[in-house]
């Protein structure tokens, strides 16, 4: 004898699975998270600051 199922629950589960699939595709498509972007920006800023602090100012010819 077949199992009795609640169609509302089945449809909601199917919709959740489809939404999760779309969300995963969007995460891959749009790249890094906000936290990752912020971390990279901070690293770049620090690297630029470190490089600028090591420049020799006022030397001609080199």
Foldseek 3Di string as FASTA:
>chain_A
DDDDDDVVVVVVVVVVVVVVVVVVVVPVVVDDDPVVVVVVVVVVVVVVVVVVVPDDPPDPDD
